[in-house]
Protein backbone atom coordinates (compact mmCIF):
# COMPACT_ATOMS: atom_id res chain seq x y z
CA UNK A 1 -8.28 26.64 16.74
CA UNK A 2 -11.76 26.44 15.36
CA UNK A 3 -11.27 29.12 12.70
CA UNK A 4 -9.98 26.85 9.92
CA UNK A 5 -10.11 23.33 8.60
CA UNK A 6 -7.90 20.87 6.74
CA UNK A 7 -8.79 18.65 3.81
CA UNK A 8 -7.32 15.29 2.98
CA UNK A 9 -7.63 14.73 -0.75
CA UNK A 10 -6.97 11.49 -2.56
CA UNK A 11 -6.48 11.80 -6.30
CA UNK A 12 -6.69 8.83 -8.64
CA UNK A 13 -3.61 8.30 -10.82
CA UNK A 14 -4.29 8.99 -14.49
CA UNK A 15 -3.25 5.42 -15.36
CA UNK A 16 -6.14 4.02 -13.30
CA UNK A 17 -8.83 5.57 -15.51
CA UNK A 18 -9.74 3.81 -18.73
CA UNK A 19 -11.27 5.62 -21.69
CA UNK A 20 -14.60 4.07 -20.72
CA UNK A 21 -14.26 5.48 -17.17
CA UNK A 22 -13.58 8.91 -18.65
CA UNK A 23 -16.64 8.67 -20.88
CA UNK A 24 -18.87 7.66 -17.92
CA UNK A 25 -17.64 10.54 -15.76
CA UNK A 26 -18.06 12.97 -18.65
CA UNK A 27 -21.70 11.91 -18.95
CA UNK A 28 -22.21 12.35 -15.20
CA UNK A 29 -20.89 15.89 -15.43
CA UNK A 30 -22.50 17.02 -18.70
CA UNK A 31 -25.59 14.79 -18.98
CA UNK A 32 -26.45 11.36 -20.31
CA UNK A 33 -26.86 12.52 -23.91
CA UNK A 34 -23.42 14.16 -24.11
CA UNK A 35 -20.59 12.47 -25.96
CA UNK A 36 -16.88 13.01 -25.55
CA UNK A 37 -14.87 12.94 -28.74
CA UNK A 38 -11.67 10.84 -28.80
CA UNK A 39 -9.30 13.82 -28.99
CA UNK A 40 -10.80 15.19 -25.73
CA UNK A 41 -10.29 12.01 -23.67
CA UNK A 42 -6.69 12.70 -22.63
CA UNK A 43 -7.44 16.33 -21.78
CA UNK A 44 -10.45 15.34 -19.66
CA UNK A 45 -8.39 12.58 -17.98
CA UNK A 46 -5.84 15.21 -16.96
CA UNK A 47 -8.59 17.46 -15.60
CA UNK A 48 -10.03 14.62 -13.49
CA UNK A 49 -6.69 13.58 -12.02
CA UNK A 50 -5.10 16.96 -11.34
CA UNK A 51 -5.92 18.81 -8.13
CA UNK A 52 -4.67 22.08 -9.60
CA UNK A 53 -6.81 21.91 -12.74
CA UNK A 54 -9.51 24.59 -12.67
CA UNK A 55 -10.87 24.84 -16.18
């Protein structure tokens, strides 16, 4: 059956990412000059560790 494919996805648990990790990944996504504010850290952590997150 060559008409489809399967993905194996490994998600990191939210507890594995420190605030510094979140800040680094934010900069990779939005540019080196961007800064994440402290109240956004938990929201961005959830976005990075949830397969269903789309926004």
